[in-house]
PDB file of N, CA and C in Angstrom:
ATOM      1  N   MET A   1      37.022   6.097 -74.553  1.00  0.00           N
ATOM      2  CA  MET A   1      38.060   6.781 -73.646  1.00  0.00           C
ATOM      3  C   MET A   1      37.823   6.936 -72.146  1.00  0.00           C
ATOM      4  N   LYS A   2      38.434   6.365 -71.432  1.00  0.00           N
ATOM      5  CA  LYS A   2      38.313   6.818 -70.080  1.00  0.00           C
ATOM      6  C   LYS A   2      38.143   8.273 -69.600  1.00  0.00           C
ATOM      7  N   LEU A   3      37.127   8.787 -68.910  1.00  0.00           N
ATOM      8  CA  LEU A   3      36.841   9.755 -68.332  1.00  0.00           C
ATOM      9  C   LEU A   3      37.154   9.890 -66.819  1.00  0.00           C
ATOM     10  N   ILE A   4      38.303  10.815 -66.302  1.00  0.00           N
ATOM     11  CA  ILE A   4      38.612  10.950 -64.892  1.00  0.00           C
ATOM     12  C   ILE A   4      38.015  12.173 -64.271  1.00  0.00           C
ATOM     13  N   VAL A   5      37.263  12.462 -63.298  1.00  0.00           N
ATOM     14  CA  VAL A   5      36.908  13.624 -62.736  1.00  0.00           C
ATOM     15  C   VAL A   5      37.419  13.787 -61.238  1.00  0.00           C
ATOM     16  N   GLY A   6      38.204  14.654 -60.965  1.00  0.00           N
ATOM     17  CA  GLY A   6      38.568  15.038 -59.890  1.00  0.00           C
ATOM     18  C   GLY A   6      37.591  15.764 -58.969  1.00  0.00           C
ATOM     19  N   THR A   7      37.174  15.113 -57.771  1.00  0.00           N
ATOM     20  CA  THR A   7      36.246  15.908 -57.018  1.00  0.00           C
ATOM     21  C   THR A   7      36.693  16.253 -55.469  1.00  0.00           C
ATOM     22  N   TYR A   8      36.386  17.162 -55.097  1.00  0.00           N
ATOM     23  CA  TYR A   8      36.635  17.728 -53.610  1.00  0.00           C
ATOM     24  C   TYR A   8      35.827  18.373 -52.790  1.00  0.00           C
ATOM     25  N   ARG A   9      34.604  19.078 -53.741  1.00  0.00           N
ATOM     26  CA  ARG A   9      34.164  20.243 -52.860  1.00  0.00           C
ATOM     27  C   ARG A   9      32.393  19.429 -52.899  1.00  0.00           C
ATOM     28  N   GLY A  10      32.226  18.284 -53.142  1.00  0.00           N
ATOM     29  CA  GLY A  10      30.853  17.856 -52.812  1.00  0.00           C
ATOM     30  C   GLY A  10      30.138  18.030 -54.226  1.00  0.00           C
ATOM     31  N   ARG A  11      28.696  18.499 -54.040  1.00  0.00           N
ATOM     32  CA  ARG A  11      27.760  18.728 -55.066  1.00  0.00           C
ATOM     33  C   ARG A  11      27.965  20.162 -55.724  1.00  0.00           C
ATOM     34  N   ASP A  12      28.836  21.000 -55.339  1.00  0.00           N
ATOM     35  CA  ASP A  12      28.617  22.392 -55.564  1.00  0.00           C
ATOM     36  C   ASP A  12      28.706  22.446 -56.961  1.00  0.00           C
ATOM     37  N   TYR A  13      29.757  21.547 -57.682  1.00  0.00           N
ATOM     38  CA  TYR A  13      29.890  21.960 -59.052  1.00  0.00           C
ATOM     39  C   TYR A  13      29.595  20.861 -60.126  1.00  0.00           C
ATOM     40  N   ILE A  14      29.901  19.649 -59.684  1.00  0.00           N
ATOM     41  CA  ILE A  14      29.886  18.531 -60.421  1.00  0.00           C
ATOM     42  C   ILE A  14      28.496  18.122 -60.983  1.00  0.00           C
ATOM     43  N   GLU A  15      27.548  18.536 -60.753  1.00  0.00           N
ATOM     44  CA  GLU A  15      26.146  18.550 -61.072  1.00  0.00           C
ATOM     45  C   GLU A  15      26.062  19.142 -62.784  1.00  0.00           C
ATOM     46  N   ASP A  16      26.872  20.397 -62.554  1.00  0.00           N
ATOM     47  CA  ASP A  16      27.101  21.284 -63.707  1.00  0.00           C
ATOM     48  C   ASP A  16      28.058  20.279 -64.775  1.00  0.00           C
ATOM     49  N   CYS A  17      28.974  19.770 -64.195  1.00  0.00           N
ATOM     50  CA  CYS A  17      30.052  19.140 -65.000  1.00  0.00           C
ATOM     51  C   CYS A  17      29.365  17.966 -65.667  1.00  0.00           C
ATOM     52  N   LEU A  18      28.847  16.980 -64.804  1.00  0.00           N
ATOM     53  CA  LEU A  18      28.125  16.068 -65.595  1.00  0.00           C
ATOM     54  C   LEU A  18      27.060  16.241 -66.535  1.00  0.00           C
ATOM     55  N   ASP A  19      26.512  17.304 -66.336  1.00  0.00           N
ATOM     56  CA  ASP A  19      25.133  17.572 -67.450  1.00  0.00           C
ATOM     57  C   ASP A  19      25.933  17.979 -68.673  1.00  0.00           C
ATOM     58  N   SER A  20      27.069  18.659 -68.459  1.00  0.00           N
ATOM     59  CA  SER A  20      27.909  19.160 -69.912  1.00  0.00           C
ATOM     60  C   SER A  20      28.451  18.055 -70.560  1.00  0.00           C
ATOM     61  N   VAL A  21      28.915  16.923 -69.431  1.00  0.00           N
ATOM     62  CA  VAL A  21      29.537  15.693 -70.480  1.00  0.00           C
ATOM     63  C   VAL A  21      28.529  15.050 -70.832  1.00  0.00           C
ATOM     64  N   THR A  22      27.468  14.872 -70.615  1.00  0.00           N
ATOM     65  CA  THR A  22      26.489  13.992 -70.930  1.00  0.00           C
ATOM     66  C   THR A  22      25.959  14.653 -72.212  1.00  0.00           C
ATOM     67  N   THR A  23      25.670  16.058 -72.389  1.00  0.00           N
ATOM     68  CA  THR A  23      25.289  16.487 -73.572  1.00  0.00           C
ATOM     69  C   THR A  23      26.323  17.031 -74.494  1.00  0.00           C
ATOM     70  N   HIS A  24      27.522  17.107 -74.143  1.00  0.00           N
ATOM     71  CA  HIS A  24      28.485  17.632 -75.115  1.00  0.00           C
ATOM     72  C   HIS A  24      29.822  16.614 -75.423  1.00  0.00           C
ATOM     73  N   LEU A  25      30.104  15.652 -74.615  1.00  0.00           N
ATOM     74  CA  LEU A  25      31.250  14.880 -74.820  1.00  0.00           C
ATOM     75  C   LEU A  25      30.785  13.400 -75.515  1.00  0.00           C
ATOM     76  N   LYS A  26      31.568  13.133 -76.449  1.00  0.00           N
ATOM     77  CA  LYS A  26      31.321  11.757 -77.053  1.00  0.00           C
ATOM     78  C   LYS A  26      32.325  10.990 -76.589  1.00  0.00           C
ATOM     79  N   GLY A  27      32.351   9.601 -76.812  1.00  0.00           N
ATOM     80  CA  GLY A  27      33.541   8.529 -76.866  1.00  0.00           C
ATOM     81  C   GLY A  27      33.721   8.293 -75.338  1.00  0.00           C
ATOM     82  N   VAL A  28      33.178   8.518 -74.505  1.00  0.00           N
ATOM     83  CA  VAL A  28      33.094   8.255 -72.932  1.00  0.00           C
ATOM     84  C   VAL A  28      32.924   6.664 -72.872  1.00  0.00           C
ATOM     85  N   THR A  29      34.030   6.046 -72.477  1.00  0.00           N
ATOM     86  CA  THR A  29      33.633   4.477 -72.552  1.00  0.00           C
ATOM     87  C   THR A  29      33.721   4.155 -70.842  1.00  0.00           C
ATOM     88  N   GLU A  30      34.134   4.892 -70.018  1.00  0.00           N
ATOM     89  CA  GLU A  30      34.274   4.692 -68.737  1.00  0.00           C
ATOM     90  C   GLU A  30      34.047   5.932 -67.769  1.00  0.00           C
ATOM     91  N   THR A  31      33.411   6.153 -66.803  1.00  0.00           N
ATOM     92  CA  THR A  31      33.998   7.534 -65.890  1.00  0.00           C
ATOM     93  C   THR A  31      34.464   7.038 -64.449  1.00  0.00           C
ATOM     94  N   VAL A  32      35.186   7.557 -64.175  1.00  0.00           N
ATOM     95  CA  VAL A  32      36.023   7.324 -62.788  1.00  0.00           C
ATOM     96  C   VAL A  32      35.872   8.609 -61.998  1.00  0.00           C
ATOM     97  N   PHE A  33      35.510   8.949 -60.695  1.00  0.00           N
ATOM     98  CA  PHE A  33      35.713   9.891 -60.096  1.00  0.00           C
ATOM     99  C   PHE A  33      37.141   9.729 -59.034  1.00  0.00           C
ATOM    100  N   VAL A  34      37.893  10.429 -59.038  1.00  0.00           N
ATOM    101  CA  VAL A  34      38.652  10.498 -57.861  1.00  0.00           C
ATOM    102  C   VAL A  34      38.471  11.477 -56.772  1.00  0.00           C
ATOM    103  N   ASP A  35      37.789  11.022 -55.634  1.00  0.00           N
ATOM    104  CA  ASP A  35      37.472  11.936 -54.661  1.00  0.00           C
ATOM    105  C   ASP A  35      38.182  11.980 -53.485  1.00  0.00           C
ATOM    106  N   ASP A  36      38.723  13.396 -53.350  1.00  0.00           N
ATOM    107  CA  ASP A  36      38.940  13.835 -52.091  1.00  0.00           C
ATOM    108  C   ASP A  36      38.417  14.696 -50.876  1.00  0.00           C
ATOM    109  N   SER A  37      37.117  14.451 -51.146  1.00  0.00           N
ATOM    110  CA  SER A  37      36.138  15.142 -50.291  1.00  0.00           C
ATOM    111  C   SER A  37      35.699  14.656 -48.854  1.00  0.00           C
ATOM    112  N   GLY A  38      36.186  13.273 -48.749  1.00  0.00           N
ATOM    113  CA  GLY A  38      36.103  12.442 -47.373  1.00  0.00           C
ATOM    114  C   GLY A  38      34.515  12.438 -47.049  1.00  0.00           C
ATOM    115  N   ASP A  39      33.709  12.575 -48.102  1.00  0.00           N
ATOM    116  CA  ASP A  39      32.446  12.466 -47.540  1.00  0.00           C
ATOM    117  C   ASP A  39      31.446  11.240 -48.174  1.00  0.00           C
ATOM    118  N   SER A  40      31.249  10.409 -47.325  1.00  0.00           N
ATOM    119  CA  SER A  40      30.985   9.124 -48.094  1.00  0.00           C
ATOM    120  C   SER A  40      29.510   9.331 -48.398  1.00  0.00           C
ATOM    121  N   GLU A  41      28.415  10.216 -48.117  1.00  0.00           N
ATOM    122  CA  GLU A  41      27.282  10.348 -48.706  1.00  0.00           C
ATOM    123  C   GLU A  41      27.565  10.717 -50.322  1.00  0.00           C
ATOM    124  N   HIS A  42      28.560  11.766 -50.380  1.00  0.00           N
ATOM    125  CA  HIS A  42      29.085  12.332 -51.799  1.00  0.00           C
ATOM    126  C   HIS A  42      29.466  11.216 -52.511  1.00  0.00           C
ATOM    127  N   ARG A  43      30.124  10.371 -52.012  1.00  0.00           N
ATOM    128  CA  ARG A  43      30.526   9.005 -52.830  1.00  0.00           C
ATOM    129  C   ARG A  43      29.738   8.105 -53.334  1.00  0.00           C
ATOM    130  N   THR A  44      28.538   7.934 -52.329  1.00  0.00           N
ATOM    131  CA  THR A  44      27.612   7.312 -52.822  1.00  0.00           C
ATOM    132  C   THR A  44      26.265   7.714 -53.920  1.00  0.00           C
ATOM    133  N   TRP A  45      26.309   8.971 -53.840  1.00  0.00           N
ATOM    134  CA  TRP A  45      25.799   9.874 -55.014  1.00  0.00           C
ATOM    135  C   TRP A  45      26.521   9.665 -56.353  1.00  0.00           C
ATOM    136  N   LEU A  46      27.850  10.026 -56.256  1.00  0.00           N
ATOM    137  CA  LEU A  46      28.681  10.041 -57.500  1.00  0.00           C
ATOM    138  C   LEU A  46      28.693   8.153 -57.953  1.00  0.00           C
ATOM    139  N   SER A  47      28.510   7.452 -57.365  1.00  0.00           N
ATOM    140  CA  SER A  47      28.190   5.985 -57.637  1.00  0.00           C
ATOM    141  C   SER A  47      27.589   5.754 -58.681  1.00  0.00           C
ATOM    142  N   HIS A  48      26.512   6.570 -58.945  1.00  0.00           N
ATOM    143  CA  HIS A  48      25.432   6.543 -59.640  1.00  0.00           C
ATOM    144  C   HIS A  48      25.683   6.675 -60.928  1.00  0.00           C
ATOM    145  N   PHE A  49      26.942   7.327 -61.437  1.00  0.00           N
ATOM    146  CA  PHE A  49      27.289   8.017 -62.478  1.00  0.00           C
ATOM    147  C   PHE A  49      28.867   7.402 -63.114  1.00  0.00           C
ATOM    148  N   GLY A  50      29.374   6.473 -61.733  1.00  0.00           N
ATOM    149  CA  GLY A  50      30.764   6.017 -62.357  1.00  0.00           C
ATOM    150  C   GLY A  50      31.172   5.338 -61.259  1.00  0.00           C
ATOM    151  N   THR A  51      32.499   4.721 -61.479  1.00  0.00           N
ATOM    152  CA  THR A  51      33.538   4.300 -60.224  1.00  0.00           C
ATOM    153  C   THR A  51      33.912   5.284 -59.746  1.00  0.00           C
ATOM    154  N   VAL A  52      33.680   5.491 -58.129  1.00  0.00           N
ATOM    155  CA  VAL A  52      34.407   6.579 -57.390  1.00  0.00           C
ATOM    156  C   VAL A  52      35.885   5.577 -56.551  1.00  0.00           C
ATOM    157  N   ILE A  53      36.384   6.073 -56.469  1.00  0.00           N
ATOM    158  CA  ILE A  53      37.969   5.949 -56.104  1.00  0.00           C
ATOM    159  C   ILE A  53      38.398   7.158 -55.149  1.00  0.00           C
ATOM    160  N   PRO A  54      38.286   6.797 -53.778  1.00  0.00           N
ATOM    161  CA  PRO A  54      38.774   7.662 -52.954  1.00  0.00           C
ATOM    162  C   PRO A  54      40.295   8.118 -52.814  1.00  0.00           C
ATOM    163  N   VAL A  55      40.508   9.042 -52.445  1.00  0.00           N
ATOM    164  CA  VAL A  55      42.130   9.400 -52.388  1.00  0.00           C
ATOM    165  C   VAL A  55      42.124   8.700 -50.573  1.00  0.00           C
ATOM    166  N   ALA A  56      43.418   8.127 -50.772  1.00  0.00           N
ATOM    167  CA  ALA A  56      43.889   7.470 -49.614  1.00  0.00           C
ATOM    168  C   ALA A  56      43.316   8.080 -48.418  1.00  0.00           C
ATOM    169  N   LYS A  57      43.874   9.339 -48.217  1.00  0.00           N
ATOM    170  CA  LYS A  57      43.859   9.980 -46.836  1.00  0.00           C
ATOM    171  C   LYS A  57      42.797  11.116 -47.247  1.00  0.00           C
ATOM    172  N   ARG A  58      41.859  11.495 -46.280  1.00  0.00           N
ATOM    173  CA  ARG A  58      40.808  12.308 -46.187  1.00  0.00           C
ATOM    174  C   ARG A  58      41.496  13.862 -46.337  1.00  0.00           C
ATOM    175  N   ASN A  59      40.974  14.556 -47.356  1.00  0.00           N
ATOM    176  CA  ASN A  59      41.548  15.844 -47.768  1.00  0.00           C
ATOM    177  C   ASN A  59      42.896  15.792 -48.064  1.00  0.00           C
ATOM    178  N   ALA A  60      43.648  14.997 -48.598  1.00  0.00           N
ATOM    179  CA  ALA A  60      45.079  14.671 -48.572  1.00  0.00           C
ATOM    180  C   ALA A  60      45.922  15.834 -49.703  1.00  0.00           C
ATOM    181  N   GLY A  61      44.971  16.539 -50.302  1.00  0.00           N
ATOM    182  CA  GLY A  61      45.553  17.661 -51.166  1.00  0.00           C
ATOM    183  C   GLY A  61      45.764  17.059 -52.699  1.00  0.00           C
ATOM    184  N   TYR A  62      46.156  18.439 -53.382  1.00  0.00           N
ATOM    185  CA  TYR A  62      46.332  18.081 -54.694  1.00  0.00           C
ATOM    186  C   TYR A  62      47.481  16.849 -55.427  1.00  0.00           C
ATOM    187  N   THR A  63      48.433  16.712 -54.488  1.00  0.00           N
ATOM    188  CA  THR A  63      49.397  16.184 -55.095  1.00  0.00           C
ATOM    189  C   THR A  63      48.999  14.617 -54.833  1.00  0.00           C
ATOM    190  N   ALA A  64      48.314  14.449 -53.723  1.00  0.00           N
ATOM    191  CA  ALA A  64      47.783  12.768 -53.613  1.00  0.00           C
ATOM    192  C   ALA A  64      46.623  12.689 -54.493  1.00  0.00           C
ATOM    193  N   ALA A  65      45.959  13.653 -54.676  1.00  0.00           N
ATOM    194  CA  ALA A  65      44.636  13.255 -55.712  1.00  0.00           C
ATOM    195  C   ALA A  65      45.466  12.943 -57.191  1.00  0.00           C
ATOM    196  N   MET A  66      46.444  13.634 -57.412  1.00  0.00           N
ATOM    197  CA  MET A  66      46.982  13.699 -58.695  1.00  0.00           C
ATOM    198  C   MET A  66      47.572  12.204 -58.709  1.00  0.00           C
ATOM    199  N   HIS A  67      48.485  11.749 -57.716  1.00  0.00           N
ATOM    200  CA  HIS A  67      48.972  10.319 -57.974  1.00  0.00           C
ATOM    201  C   HIS A  67      47.886   9.462 -58.061  1.00  0.00           C
ATOM    202  N   THR A  68      46.561   9.624 -57.380  1.00  0.00           N
ATOM    203  CA  THR A  68      45.349   8.562 -57.538  1.00  0.00           C
ATOM    204  C   THR A  68      45.009   8.658 -58.953  1.00  0.00           C
ATOM    205  N   VAL A  69      44.962   9.798 -59.604  1.00  0.00           N
ATOM    206  CA  VAL A  69      44.593  10.040 -60.953  1.00  0.00           C
ATOM    207  C   VAL A  69      45.484   9.308 -62.152  1.00  0.00           C
ATOM    208  N   CYS A  70      47.014   9.307 -61.710  1.00  0.00           N
ATOM    209  CA  CYS A  70      47.634   8.614 -62.479  1.00  0.00           C
ATOM    210  C   CYS A  70      47.900   7.188 -62.441  1.00  0.00           C
ATOM    211  N   ALA A  71      47.405   6.565 -61.174  1.00  0.00           N
ATOM    212  CA  ALA A  71      47.047   5.129 -61.004  1.00  0.00           C
ATOM    213  C   ALA A  71      45.878   4.582 -61.795  1.00  0.00           C
ATOM    214  N   VAL A  72      44.962   5.503 -61.741  1.00  0.00           N
ATOM    215  CA  VAL A  72      43.518   5.201 -62.065  1.00  0.00           C
ATOM    216  C   VAL A  72      43.646   5.218 -64.148  1.00  0.00           C
ATOM    217  N   ALA A  73      44.592   6.064 -64.516  1.00  0.00           N
ATOM    218  CA  ALA A  73      44.888   6.153 -66.015  1.00  0.00           C
ATOM    219  C   ALA A  73      45.424   5.118 -66.384  1.00  0.00           C
ATOM    220  N   GLU A  74      46.275   4.153 -65.518  1.00  0.00           N
ATOM    221  CA  GLU A  74      46.818   2.851 -66.063  1.00  0.00           C
ATOM    222  C   GLU A  74      47.641   3.064 -67.267  1.00  0.00           C
ATOM    223  N   GLY A  75      48.340   4.409 -67.369  1.00  0.00           N
ATOM    224  CA  GLY A  75      48.948   4.575 -68.795  1.00  0.00           C
ATOM    225  C   GLY A  75      48.428   4.478 -70.049  1.00  0.00           C
ATOM    226  N   GLN A  76      47.132   4.668 -69.709  1.00  0.00           N
ATOM    227  CA  GLN A  76      46.276   4.630 -71.162  1.00  0.00           C
ATOM    228  C   GLN A  76      45.657   6.175 -71.331  1.00  0.00           C
ATOM    229  N   PRO A  77      45.556   6.622 -72.626  1.00  0.00           N
ATOM    230  CA  PRO A  77      44.865   7.549 -72.966  1.00  0.00           C
ATOM    231  C   PRO A  77      43.546   7.977 -72.070  1.00  0.00           C
ATOM    232  N   CYS A  78      43.506   9.153 -71.623  1.00  0.00           N
ATOM    233  CA  CYS A  78      42.370   9.592 -70.718  1.00  0.00           C
ATOM    234  C   CYS A  78      42.211  11.068 -70.939  1.00  0.00           C
ATOM    235  N   MET A  79      40.763  11.547 -70.370  1.00  0.00           N
ATOM    236  CA  MET A  79      40.472  12.837 -70.081  1.00  0.00           C
ATOM    237  C   MET A  79      40.248  12.761 -68.699  1.00  0.00           C
ATOM    238  N   PHE A  80      41.169  14.007 -68.177  1.00  0.00           N
ATOM    239  CA  PHE A  80      40.918  14.291 -67.024  1.00  0.00           C
ATOM    240  C   PHE A  80      40.350  15.778 -66.845  1.00  0.00           C
ATOM    241  N   LEU A  81      39.312  15.764 -66.055  1.00  0.00           N
ATOM    242  CA  LEU A  81      38.552  16.974 -65.597  1.00  0.00           C
ATOM    243  C   LEU A  81      38.482  17.290 -64.047  1.00  0.00           C
ATOM    244  N   GLU A  82      38.579  18.476 -63.894  1.00  0.00           N
ATOM    245  CA  GLU A  82      38.322  18.771 -62.329  1.00  0.00           C
ATOM    246  C   GLU A  82      36.568  19.047 -62.268  1.00  0.00           C
ATOM    247  N   GLU A  83      36.174  19.073 -61.317  1.00  0.00           N
ATOM    248  CA  GLU A  83      34.767  19.032 -61.086  1.00  0.00           C
ATOM    249  C   GLU A  83      34.048  20.360 -61.544  1.00  0.00           C
ATOM    250  N   ASP A  84      34.705  21.544 -61.489  1.00  0.00           N
ATOM    251  CA  ASP A  84      34.364  22.754 -62.179  1.00  0.00           C
ATOM    252  C   ASP A  84      34.504  22.998 -63.580  1.00  0.00           C
ATOM    253  N   PHE A  85      34.633  22.008 -64.406  1.00  0.00           N
ATOM    254  CA  PHE A  85      34.970  22.073 -65.805  1.00  0.00           C
ATOM    255  C   PHE A  85      33.461  22.032 -66.141  1.00  0.00           C
ATOM    256  N   THR A  86      33.035  22.583 -67.179  1.00  0.00           N
ATOM    257  CA  THR A  86      31.534  22.232 -67.942  1.00  0.00           C
ATOM    258  C   THR A  86      32.248  22.625 -69.703  1.00  0.00           C
ATOM    259  N   PHE A  87      31.661  21.723 -70.214  1.00  0.00           N
ATOM    260  CA  PHE A  87      31.903  21.907 -71.870  1.00  0.00           C
ATOM    261  C   PHE A  87      30.579  22.645 -72.257  1.00  0.00           C
ATOM    262  N   THR A  88      30.863  23.457 -73.187  1.00  0.00           N
ATOM    263  CA  THR A  88      29.918  24.278 -73.621  1.00  0.00           C
ATOM    264  C   THR A  88      29.805  24.205 -75.059  1.00  0.00           C
ATOM    265  N   ALA A  89      30.317  23.377 -75.817  1.00  0.00           N
ATOM    266  CA  ALA A  89      30.169  22.909 -77.292  1.00  0.00           C
ATOM    267  C   ALA A  89      30.768  21.588 -77.346  1.00  0.00           C
ATOM    268  N   ASP A  90      30.346  20.680 -78.411  1.00  0.00           N
ATOM    269  CA  ASP A  90      30.364  19.404 -78.869  1.00  0.00           C
ATOM    270  C   ASP A  90      31.872  19.049 -78.778  1.00  0.00           C
ATOM    271  N   ALA A  91      32.092  17.911 -78.160  1.00  0.00           N
ATOM    272  CA  ALA A  91      33.617  17.383 -78.275  1.00  0.00           C
ATOM    273  C   ALA A  91      33.368  15.808 -78.499  1.00  0.00           C
ATOM    274  N   ASP A  92      34.516  15.352 -79.132  1.00  0.00           N
ATOM    275  CA  ASP A  92      34.198  13.856 -79.626  1.00  0.00           C
ATOM    276  C   ASP A  92      36.004  13.346 -78.969  1.00  0.00           C
ATOM    277  N   LEU A  93      35.797  12.521 -78.102  1.00  0.00           N
ATOM    278  CA  LEU A  93      37.337  12.205 -77.611  1.00  0.00           C
ATOM    279  C   LEU A  93      38.029  11.278 -78.341  1.00  0.00           C
ATOM    280  N   ASP A  94      37.369  10.595 -79.333  1.00  0.00           N
ATOM    281  CA  ASP A  94      38.000   9.945 -80.392  1.00  0.00           C
ATOM    282  C   ASP A  94      38.541  10.893 -81.501  1.00  0.00           C
ATOM    283  N   ASP A  95      37.744  11.631 -81.720  1.00  0.00           N
ATOM    284  CA  ASP A  95      38.796  13.055 -82.704  1.00  0.00           C
ATOM    285  C   ASP A  95      39.828  13.382 -82.106  1.00  0.00           C
ATOM    286  N   MET A  96      39.798  13.915 -80.505  1.00  0.00           N
ATOM    287  CA  MET A  96      40.822  14.229 -79.843  1.00  0.00           C
ATOM    288  C   MET A  96      42.150  13.321 -79.774  1.00  0.00           C
ATOM    289  N   LEU A  97      41.814  12.111 -79.570  1.00  0.00           N
ATOM    290  CA  LEU A  97      42.606  11.169 -79.578  1.00  0.00           C
ATOM    291  C   LEU A  97      43.478  10.969 -80.904  1.00  0.00           C
ATOM    292  N   GLU A  98      42.745  11.157 -82.249  1.00  0.00           N
ATOM    293  CA  GLU A  98      43.464  10.845 -83.288  1.00  0.00           C
ATOM    294  C   GLU A  98      44.435  12.374 -83.590  1.00  0.00           C
ATOM    295  N   LEU A  99      43.726  13.277 -83.121  1.00  0.00           N
ATOM    296  CA  LEU A  99      44.551  14.762 -83.321  1.00  0.00           C
ATOM    297  C   LEU A  99      45.938  14.509 -82.444  1.00  0.00           C
ATOM    298  N   LEU A 100      45.975  13.958 -81.494  1.00  0.00           N
ATOM    299  CA  LEU A 100      46.800  14.019 -80.457  1.00  0.00           C
ATOM    300  C   LEU A 100      47.719  12.752 -80.929  1.00  0.00           C
ATOM    301  N   HIS A 101      47.453  11.897 -81.557  1.00  0.00           N
ATOM    302  CA  HIS A 101      48.448  10.846 -82.019  1.00  0.00           C
ATOM    303  C   HIS A 101      49.152  11.618 -83.291  1.00  0.00           C
ATOM    304  N   HIS A 102      48.712  12.488 -83.843  1.00  0.00           N
ATOM    305  CA  HIS A 102      49.753  13.331 -84.825  1.00  0.00           C
ATOM    306  C   HIS A 102      50.336  14.412 -84.220  1.00  0.00           C
ATOM    307  N   ARG A 103      49.902  15.007 -83.205  1.00  0.00           N
ATOM    308  CA  ARG A 103      50.363  16.345 -82.723  1.00  0.00           C
ATOM    309  C   ARG A 103      50.610  16.117 -81.078  1.00  0.00           C
ATOM    310  N   PRO A 104      51.716  14.830 -80.822  1.00  0.00           N
ATOM    311  CA  PRO A 104      51.625  14.946 -79.404  1.00  0.00           C
ATOM    312  C   PRO A 104      52.003  15.931 -78.536  1.00  0.00           C
ATOM    313  N   TYR A 105      52.370  17.023 -78.829  1.00  0.00           N
ATOM    314  CA  TYR A 105      52.757  18.152 -78.132  1.00  0.00           C
ATOM    315  C   TYR A 105      51.754  18.827 -77.686  1.00  0.00           C
ATOM    316  N   LEU A 106      50.474  18.593 -78.082  1.00  0.00           N
ATOM    317  CA  LEU A 106      49.270  19.010 -77.487  1.00  0.00           C
ATOM    318  C   LEU A 106      48.568  18.241 -76.334  1.00  0.00           C
ATOM    319  N   ALA A 107      49.244  17.286 -75.943  1.00  0.00           N
ATOM    320  CA  ALA A 107      48.691  16.176 -74.992  1.00  0.00           C
ATOM    321  C   ALA A 107      48.087  17.163 -73.636  1.00  0.00           C
ATOM    322  N   GLN A 108      48.941  17.936 -73.167  1.00  0.00           N
ATOM    323  CA  GLN A 108      48.185  18.748 -72.183  1.00  0.00           C
ATOM    324  C   GLN A 108      47.889  20.145 -72.671  1.00  0.00           C
ATOM    325  N   VAL A 109      46.225  19.922 -72.981  1.00  0.00           N
ATOM    326  CA  VAL A 109      45.802  21.317 -73.274  1.00  0.00           C
ATOM    327  C   VAL A 109      44.958  21.988 -72.346  1.00  0.00           C
ATOM    328  N   ALA A 110      44.954  22.955 -72.026  1.00  0.00           N
ATOM    329  CA  ALA A 110      44.158  23.814 -71.282  1.00  0.00           C
ATOM    330  C   ALA A 110      43.151  24.619 -72.061  1.00  0.00           C
ATOM    331  N   LEU A 111      41.831  24.060 -71.603  1.00  0.00           N
ATOM    332  CA  LEU A 111      40.594  24.439 -72.417  1.00  0.00           C
ATOM    333  C   LEU A 111      39.864  25.540 -71.641  1.00  0.00           C
ATOM    334  N   LEU A 112      39.241  26.579 -72.249  1.00  0.00           N
ATOM    335  CA  LEU A 112      38.844  27.851 -71.680  1.00  0.00           C
ATOM    336  C   LEU A 112      37.337  27.360 -71.413  1.00  0.00           C
TER     337      LEU A 112
END
């Protein structure tokens, strides 16, 4: 499943997020960063971990970033994280997708 990560603060949080994804998240087939930082060095660094899609206008804000996220999702199941999210326990995207297939009302879940 595609993992989409929204970034806008540079490397302040993303390193912890990526470490937790590597350690705890199974089933990621592709990682895409939707970046609103306007920082070309940050984008170059992110490109080592996945595809980087800049938001059309620098610091365009949350709404523009979410429009970009929706375009990247291409109508397919995906997991979206903001850069300050970290996994503290194992999770499997294939298991989550199966659960959501039978319980679609859980499609937007806020995880603590």
